[in-house]
Amino acid sequence: MLHVKSAKYLKNHRLWVSFDDGTEGQVDLSNALQGMMFEPLRDEGYFSRVSVDPELETVVWPNGADFAPEFLKEHLL
């Protein structure tokens, strides 16, 4: 099972993400912010509050929005 080890906000709804399999890179989530849960993330200031949840081991935001590690890896630039 794939896990996110670290995530850093870059700009323009992009993150730098590293995974436990050694893969890392930039992910552009600007086109993935659809639906009520992801609405607050359209605000760049809110999006920048990303963190890695130690239990889920993926990126999360204060409102509970998250993306599966597999989804993030599939969208590496």
PDB file of N, CA and C in Angstrom:
ATOM      1  N   MET A   1       0.842  -1.183   0.000  1.00  0.00           N
ATOM      2  CA  MET A   1       0.000   0.000   0.000  1.00  0.00           C
ATOM      3  C   MET A   1       0.888   1.247   0.000  1.00  0.00           C
ATOM      4  N   LEU A   2       0.552   2.210  -0.819  1.00  0.00           N
ATOM      5  CA  LEU A   2       1.319   3.436  -0.994  1.00  0.00           C
ATOM      6  C   LEU A   2       0.940   4.460   0.076  1.00  0.00           C
ATOM      7  N   HIS A   3       1.940   5.183   0.595  1.00  0.00           N
ATOM      8  CA  HIS A   3       1.706   6.216   1.604  1.00  0.00           C
ATOM      9  C   HIS A   3       2.480   7.477   1.255  1.00  0.00           C
ATOM     10  N   VAL A   4       1.904   8.619   1.623  1.00  0.00           N
ATOM     11  CA  VAL A   4       2.581   9.905   1.452  1.00  0.00           C
ATOM     12  C   VAL A   4       3.442  10.152   2.682  1.00  0.00           C
ATOM     13  N   LYS A   5       4.697  10.484   2.468  1.00  0.00           N
ATOM     14  CA  LYS A   5       5.617  10.779   3.569  1.00  0.00           C
ATOM     15  C   LYS A   5       5.698  12.266   3.854  1.00  0.00           C
ATOM     16  N   SER A   6       5.652  13.099   2.802  1.00  0.00           N
ATOM     17  CA  SER A   6       5.687  14.542   3.012  1.00  0.00           C
ATOM     18  C   SER A   6       4.989  15.242   1.857  1.00  0.00           C
ATOM     19  N   ALA A   7       4.517  16.441   2.143  1.00  0.00           N
ATOM     20  CA  ALA A   7       3.858  17.260   1.133  1.00  0.00           C
ATOM     21  C   ALA A   7       4.162  18.717   1.437  1.00  0.00           C
ATOM     22  N   LYS A   8       4.430  19.456   0.392  1.00  0.00           N
ATOM     23  CA  LYS A   8       4.760  20.875   0.534  1.00  0.00           C
ATOM     24  C   LYS A   8       3.972  21.656  -0.511  1.00  0.00           C
ATOM     25  N   TYR A   9       3.322  22.714  -0.062  1.00  0.00           N
ATOM     26  CA  TYR A   9       2.599  23.602  -0.970  1.00  0.00           C
ATOM     27  C   TYR A   9       3.612  24.363  -1.819  1.00  0.00           C
ATOM     28  N   LEU A  10       3.363  24.440  -3.114  1.00  0.00           N
ATOM     29  CA  LEU A  10       4.218  25.211  -4.018  1.00  0.00           C
ATOM     30  C   LEU A  10       3.501  26.501  -4.404  1.00  0.00           C
ATOM     31  N   LYS A  11       2.642  26.459  -5.406  1.00  0.00           N
ATOM     32  CA  LYS A  11       1.786  27.571  -5.824  1.00  0.00           C
ATOM     33  C   LYS A  11       0.813  27.052  -6.872  1.00  0.00           C
ATOM     34  N   ASN A  12      -0.203  27.863  -7.165  1.00  0.00           N
ATOM     35  CA  ASN A  12      -1.175  27.520  -8.211  1.00  0.00           C
ATOM     36  C   ASN A  12      -1.765  26.121  -8.057  1.00  0.00           C
ATOM     37  N   HIS A  13      -2.165  25.775  -6.826  1.00  0.00           N
ATOM     38  CA  HIS A  13      -2.771  24.473  -6.518  1.00  0.00           C
ATOM     39  C   HIS A  13      -1.846  23.303  -6.836  1.00  0.00           C
ATOM     40  N   ARG A  14      -0.562  23.524  -6.637  1.00  0.00           N
ATOM     41  CA  ARG A  14       0.424  22.466  -6.846  1.00  0.00           C
ATOM     42  C   ARG A  14       1.110  22.116  -5.533  1.00  0.00           C
ATOM     43  N   LEU A  15       1.413  20.826  -5.408  1.00  0.00           N
ATOM     44  CA  LEU A  15       2.124  20.310  -4.234  1.00  0.00           C
ATOM     45  C   LEU A  15       3.365  19.562  -4.691  1.00  0.00           C
ATOM     46  N   TRP A  16       4.373  19.535  -3.838  1.00  0.00           N
ATOM     47  CA  TRP A  16       5.510  18.624  -3.999  1.00  0.00           C
ATOM     48  C   TRP A  16       5.248  17.502  -3.012  1.00  0.00           C
ATOM     49  N   VAL A  17       5.136  16.284  -3.494  1.00  0.00           N
ATOM     50  CA  VAL A  17       4.767  15.137  -2.662  1.00  0.00           C
ATOM     51  C   VAL A  17       5.838  14.061  -2.751  1.00  0.00           C
ATOM     52  N   SER A  18       6.181  13.473  -1.609  1.00  0.00           N
ATOM     53  CA  SER A  18       7.084  12.322  -1.613  1.00  0.00           C
ATOM     54  C   SER A  18       6.346  11.127  -1.006  1.00  0.00           C
ATOM     55  N   PHE A  19       6.614   9.956  -1.597  1.00  0.00           N
ATOM     56  CA  PHE A  19       5.935   8.723  -1.210  1.00  0.00           C
ATOM     57  C   PHE A  19       6.912   7.763  -0.545  1.00  0.00           C
ATOM     58  N   ASP A  20       6.359   6.785   0.164  1.00  0.00           N
ATOM     59  CA  ASP A  20       7.210   5.833   0.874  1.00  0.00           C
ATOM     60  C   ASP A  20       7.930   4.851  -0.043  1.00  0.00           C
ATOM     61  N   ASP A  21       7.621   4.850  -1.336  1.00  0.00           N
ATOM     62  CA  ASP A  21       8.343   3.986  -2.276  1.00  0.00           C
ATOM     63  C   ASP A  21       9.522   4.720  -2.920  1.00  0.00           C
ATOM     64  N   GLY A  22       9.782   5.961  -2.448  1.00  0.00           N
ATOM     65  CA  GLY A  22      10.899   6.736  -2.962  1.00  0.00           C
ATOM     66  C   GLY A  22      10.542   7.694  -4.082  1.00  0.00           C
ATOM     67  N   THR A  23       9.347   7.567  -4.621  1.00  0.00           N
ATOM     68  CA  THR A  23       8.889   8.464  -5.681  1.00  0.00           C
ATOM     69  C   THR A  23       8.572   9.830  -5.087  1.00  0.00           C
ATOM     70  N   GLU A  24       8.886  10.869  -5.826  1.00  0.00           N
ATOM     71  CA  GLU A  24       8.482  12.210  -5.419  1.00  0.00           C
ATOM     72  C   GLU A  24       8.317  13.070  -6.658  1.00  0.00           C
ATOM     73  N   GLY A  25       7.566  14.139  -6.498  1.00  0.00           N
ATOM     74  CA  GLY A  25       7.376  15.046  -7.616  1.00  0.00           C
ATOM     75  C   GLY A  25       6.244  16.007  -7.373  1.00  0.00           C
ATOM     76  N   GLN A  26       5.975  16.795  -8.387  1.00  0.00           N
ATOM     77  CA  GLN A  26       4.972  17.837  -8.339  1.00  0.00           C
ATOM     78  C   GLN A  26       3.623  17.299  -8.817  1.00  0.00           C
ATOM     79  N   VAL A  27       2.571  17.708  -8.110  1.00  0.00           N
ATOM     80  CA  VAL A  27       1.207  17.327  -8.473  1.00  0.00           C
ATOM     81  C   VAL A  27       0.384  18.600  -8.627  1.00  0.00           C
ATOM     82  N   ASP A  28      -0.289  18.729  -9.756  1.00  0.00           N
ATOM     83  CA  ASP A  28      -1.174  19.862  -9.998  1.00  0.00           C
ATOM     84  C   ASP A  28      -2.604  19.397  -9.731  1.00  0.00           C
ATOM     85  N   LEU A  29      -3.217  19.948  -8.681  1.00  0.00           N
ATOM     86  CA  LEU A  29      -4.569  19.534  -8.310  1.00  0.00           C
ATOM     87  C   LEU A  29      -5.633  20.535  -8.748  1.00  0.00           C
ATOM     88  N   SER A  30      -5.261  21.512  -9.546  1.00  0.00           N
ATOM     89  CA  SER A  30      -6.204  22.566  -9.931  1.00  0.00           C
ATOM     90  C   SER A  30      -7.454  22.031 -10.628  1.00  0.00           C
ATOM     91  N   ASN A  31      -7.335  20.962 -11.383  1.00  0.00           N
ATOM     92  CA  ASN A  31      -8.497  20.394 -12.076  1.00  0.00           C
ATOM     93  C   ASN A  31      -9.225  19.331 -11.260  1.00  0.00           C
ATOM     94  N   ALA A  32      -8.732  19.030 -10.068  1.00  0.00           N
ATOM     95  CA  ALA A  32      -9.327  17.983  -9.239  1.00  0.00           C
ATOM     96  C   ALA A  32     -10.200  18.540  -8.117  1.00  0.00           C
ATOM     97  N   LEU A  33     -10.338  19.847  -8.036  1.00  0.00           N
ATOM     98  CA  LEU A  33     -11.063  20.474  -6.928  1.00  0.00           C
ATOM     99  C   LEU A  33     -12.534  20.641  -7.265  1.00  0.00           C
ATOM    100  N   GLN A  34     -13.212  19.518  -7.430  1.00  0.00           N
ATOM    101  CA  GLN A  34     -14.631  19.467  -7.781  1.00  0.00           C
ATOM    102  C   GLN A  34     -15.436  18.971  -6.584  1.00  0.00           C
ATOM    103  N   GLY A  35     -16.608  19.496  -6.403  1.00  0.00           N
ATOM    104  CA  GLY A  35     -17.501  19.027  -5.351  1.00  0.00           C
ATOM    105  C   GLY A  35     -17.401  19.854  -4.084  1.00  0.00           C
ATOM    106  N   MET A  36     -18.397  19.678  -3.218  1.00  0.00           N
ATOM    107  CA  MET A  36     -18.523  20.476  -2.007  1.00  0.00           C
ATOM    108  C   MET A  36     -17.314  20.372  -1.076  1.00  0.00           C
ATOM    109  N   MET A  37     -16.759  19.192  -0.905  1.00  0.00           N
ATOM    110  CA  MET A  37     -15.636  18.997   0.011  1.00  0.00           C
ATOM    111  C   MET A  37     -14.401  19.760  -0.460  1.00  0.00           C
ATOM    112  N   PHE A  38     -14.235  19.877  -1.764  1.00  0.00           N
ATOM    113  CA  PHE A  38     -13.030  20.501  -2.307  1.00  0.00           C
ATOM    114  C   PHE A  38     -13.209  21.990  -2.620  1.00  0.00           C
ATOM    115  N   GLU A  39     -14.428  22.510  -2.486  1.00  0.00           N
ATOM    116  CA  GLU A  39     -14.708  23.919  -2.756  1.00  0.00           C
ATOM    117  C   GLU A  39     -13.775  24.864  -1.983  1.00  0.00           C
ATOM    118  N   PRO A  40     -13.576  24.683  -0.669  1.00  0.00           N
ATOM    119  CA  PRO A  40     -12.684  25.592   0.063  1.00  0.00           C
ATOM    120  C   PRO A  40     -11.242  25.577  -0.454  1.00  0.00           C
ATOM    121  N   LEU A  41     -10.819  24.475  -1.055  1.00  0.00           N
ATOM    122  CA  LEU A  41      -9.444  24.351  -1.541  1.00  0.00           C
ATOM    123  C   LEU A  41      -9.188  25.194  -2.792  1.00  0.00           C
ATOM    124  N   ARG A  42     -10.233  25.692  -3.405  1.00  0.00           N
ATOM    125  CA  ARG A  42     -10.059  26.567  -4.571  1.00  0.00           C
ATOM    126  C   ARG A  42      -9.398  27.883  -4.164  1.00  0.00           C
ATOM    127  N   ASP A  43      -9.586  28.249  -2.881  1.00  0.00           N
ATOM    128  CA  ASP A  43      -8.903  29.424  -2.340  1.00  0.00           C
ATOM    129  C   ASP A  43      -7.448  29.040  -2.077  1.00  0.00           C
ATOM    130  N   GLU A  44      -6.540  29.730  -2.742  1.00  0.00           N
ATOM    131  CA  GLU A  44      -5.113  29.385  -2.661  1.00  0.00           C
ATOM    132  C   GLU A  44      -4.583  29.426  -1.224  1.00  0.00           C
ATOM    133  N   GLY A  45      -5.064  30.386  -0.431  1.00  0.00           N
ATOM    134  CA  GLY A  45      -4.644  30.479   0.965  1.00  0.00           C
ATOM    135  C   GLY A  45      -5.051  29.254   1.764  1.00  0.00           C
ATOM    136  N   TYR A  46      -6.260  28.774   1.524  1.00  0.00           N
ATOM    137  CA  TYR A  46      -6.734  27.578   2.225  1.00  0.00           C
ATOM    138  C   TYR A  46      -5.999  26.339   1.706  1.00  0.00           C
ATOM    139  N   PHE A  47      -5.814  26.269   0.408  1.00  0.00           N
ATOM    140  CA  PHE A  47      -5.114  25.134  -0.189  1.00  0.00           C
ATOM    141  C   PHE A  47      -3.712  24.983   0.409  1.00  0.00           C
ATOM    142  N   SER A  48      -3.083  26.118   0.698  1.00  0.00           N
ATOM    143  CA  SER A  48      -1.714  26.102   1.230  1.00  0.00           C
ATOM    144  C   SER A  48      -1.628  25.498   2.627  1.00  0.00           C
ATOM    145  N   ARG A  49      -2.752  25.254   3.273  1.00  0.00           N
ATOM    146  CA  ARG A  49      -2.776  24.677   4.630  1.00  0.00           C
ATOM    147  C   ARG A  49      -2.698  23.139   4.616  1.00  0.00           C
ATOM    148  N   VAL A  50      -2.229  22.597   3.522  1.00  0.00           N
ATOM    149  CA  VAL A  50      -2.098  21.146   3.372  1.00  0.00           C
ATOM    150  C   VAL A  50      -1.167  20.573   4.432  1.00  0.00           C
ATOM    151  N   SER A  51      -1.447  19.347   4.849  1.00  0.00           N
ATOM    152  CA  SER A  51      -0.567  18.616   5.763  1.00  0.00           C
ATOM    153  C   SER A  51      -0.675  17.130   5.437  1.00  0.00           C
ATOM    154  N   VAL A  52       0.168  16.329   6.077  1.00  0.00           N
ATOM    155  CA  VAL A  52       0.097  14.879   5.920  1.00  0.00           C
ATOM    156  C   VAL A  52      -0.490  14.307   7.199  1.00  0.00           C
ATOM    157  N   ASP A  53      -1.582  13.599   7.077  1.00  0.00           N
ATOM    158  CA  ASP A  53      -2.214  12.974   8.230  1.00  0.00           C
ATOM    159  C   ASP A  53      -1.414  11.739   8.620  1.00  0.00           C
ATOM    160  N   PRO A  54      -0.966  11.646   9.874  1.00  0.00           N
ATOM    161  CA  PRO A  54      -0.139  10.511  10.292  1.00  0.00           C
ATOM    162  C   PRO A  54      -0.876   9.165  10.287  1.00  0.00           C
ATOM    163  N   GLU A  55      -2.193   9.190  10.414  1.00  0.00           N
ATOM    164  CA  GLU A  55      -2.959   7.940  10.393  1.00  0.00           C
ATOM    165  C   GLU A  55      -3.324   7.534   8.966  1.00  0.00           C
ATOM    166  N   LEU A  56      -3.824   8.486   8.181  1.00  0.00           N
ATOM    167  CA  LEU A  56      -4.210   8.202   6.797  1.00  0.00           C
ATOM    168  C   LEU A  56      -3.007   8.108   5.875  1.00  0.00           C
ATOM    169  N   GLU A  57      -1.917   8.764   6.268  1.00  0.00           N
ATOM    170  CA  GLU A  57      -0.679   8.819   5.482  1.00  0.00           C
ATOM    171  C   GLU A  57      -0.924   9.305   4.058  1.00  0.00           C
ATOM    172  N   THR A  58      -1.677  10.401   3.988  1.00  0.00           N
ATOM    173  CA  THR A  58      -1.902  11.099   2.728  1.00  0.00           C
ATOM    174  C   THR A  58      -2.124  12.570   3.019  1.00  0.00           C
ATOM    175  N   VAL A  59      -2.251  13.381   1.965  1.00  0.00           N
ATOM    176  CA  VAL A  59      -2.461  14.816   2.145  1.00  0.00           C
ATOM    177  C   VAL A  59      -3.883  15.083   2.609  1.00  0.00           C
ATOM    178  N   VAL A  60      -4.016  16.041   3.527  1.00  0.00           N
ATOM    179  CA  VAL A  60      -5.318  16.420   4.071  1.00  0.00           C
ATOM    180  C   VAL A  60      -5.341  17.928   4.290  1.00  0.00           C
ATOM    181  N   TRP A  61      -6.559  18.450   4.434  1.00  0.00           N
ATOM    182  CA  TRP A  61      -6.773  19.855   4.745  1.00  0.00           C
ATOM    183  C   TRP A  61      -7.661  19.940   5.963  1.00  0.00           C
ATOM    184  N   PRO A  62      -7.700  21.117   6.616  1.00  0.00           N
ATOM    185  CA  PRO A  62      -8.471  21.249   7.857  1.00  0.00           C
ATOM    186  C   PRO A  62      -9.945  20.867   7.763  1.00  0.00           C
ATOM    187  N   ASN A  63     -10.546  20.972   6.591  1.00  0.00           N
ATOM    188  CA  ASN A  63     -11.966  20.616   6.451  1.00  0.00           C
ATOM    189  C   ASN A  63     -12.190  19.117   6.250  1.00  0.00           C
ATOM    190  N   GLY A  64     -11.123  18.319   6.238  1.00  0.00           N
ATOM    191  CA  GLY A  64     -11.255  16.874   6.067  1.00  0.00           C
ATOM    192  C   GLY A  64     -11.061  16.396   4.645  1.00  0.00           C
ATOM    193  N   ALA A  65     -10.887  17.307   3.707  1.00  0.00           N
ATOM    194  CA  ALA A  65     -10.637  16.907   2.314  1.00  0.00           C
ATOM    195  C   ALA A  65      -9.298  16.179   2.225  1.00  0.00           C
ATOM    196  N   ASP A  66      -9.246  15.167   1.383  1.00  0.00           N
ATOM    197  CA  ASP A  66      -8.001  14.432   1.170  1.00  0.00           C
ATOM    198  C   ASP A  66      -8.008  13.808  -0.219  1.00  0.00           C
ATOM    199  N   PHE A  67      -6.832  13.372  -0.627  1.00  0.00           N
ATOM    200  CA  PHE A  67      -6.687  12.638  -1.886  1.00  0.00           C
ATOM    201  C   PHE A  67      -5.924  11.360  -1.588  1.00  0.00           C
ATOM    202  N   ALA A  68      -6.330  10.267  -2.197  1.00  0.00           N
ATOM    203  CA  ALA A  68      -5.644   8.990  -2.016  1.00  0.00           C
ATOM    204  C   ALA A  68      -4.224   9.091  -2.571  1.00  0.00           C
ATOM    205  N   PRO A  69      -3.261   8.457  -1.917  1.00  0.00           N
ATOM    206  CA  PRO A  69      -1.882   8.476  -2.416  1.00  0.00           C
ATOM    207  C   PRO A  69      -1.775   7.988  -3.860  1.00  0.00           C
ATOM    208  N   GLU A  70      -2.554   6.984  -4.218  1.00  0.00           N
ATOM    209  CA  GLU A  70      -2.512   6.446  -5.583  1.00  0.00           C
ATOM    210  C   GLU A  70      -2.952   7.495  -6.607  1.00  0.00           C
ATOM    211  N   PHE A  71      -3.984   8.266  -6.249  1.00  0.00           N
ATOM    212  CA  PHE A  71      -4.449   9.342  -7.122  1.00  0.00           C
ATOM    213  C   PHE A  71      -3.340  10.373  -7.312  1.00  0.00           C
ATOM    214  N   LEU A  72      -2.697  10.753  -6.218  1.00  0.00           N
ATOM    215  CA  LEU A  72      -1.621  11.738  -6.291  1.00  0.00           C
ATOM    216  C   LEU A  72      -0.483  11.248  -7.176  1.00  0.00           C
ATOM    217  N   LYS A  73      -0.094   9.985  -7.001  1.00  0.00           N
ATOM    218  CA  LYS A  73       1.015   9.438  -7.780  1.00  0.00           C
ATOM    219  C   LYS A  73       0.674   9.382  -9.270  1.00  0.00           C
ATOM    220  N   GLU A  74      -0.559   9.048  -9.588  1.00  0.00           N
ATOM    221  CA  GLU A  74      -1.000   9.013 -10.987  1.00  0.00           C
ATOM    222  C   GLU A  74      -0.951  10.382 -11.636  1.00  0.00           C
ATOM    223  N   HIS A  75      -1.000  11.445 -10.830  1.00  0.00           N
ATOM    224  CA  HIS A  75      -1.035  12.800 -11.361  1.00  0.00           C
ATOM    225  C   HIS A  75       0.284  13.548 -11.200  1.00  0.00           C
ATOM    226  N   LEU A  76       1.362  12.833 -10.957  1.00  0.00           N
ATOM    227  CA  LEU A  76       2.674  13.484 -10.907  1.00  0.00           C
ATOM    228  C   LEU A  76       2.992  14.093 -12.262  1.00  0.00           C
ATOM    229  N   LEU A  77       3.561  15.277 -12.239  1.00  0.00           N
ATOM    230  CA  LEU A  77       3.928  15.956 -13.493  1.00  0.00           C
ATOM    231  C   LEU A  77       5.278  15.479 -13.971  1.00  0.00           C
TER     232      LEU A  77
END
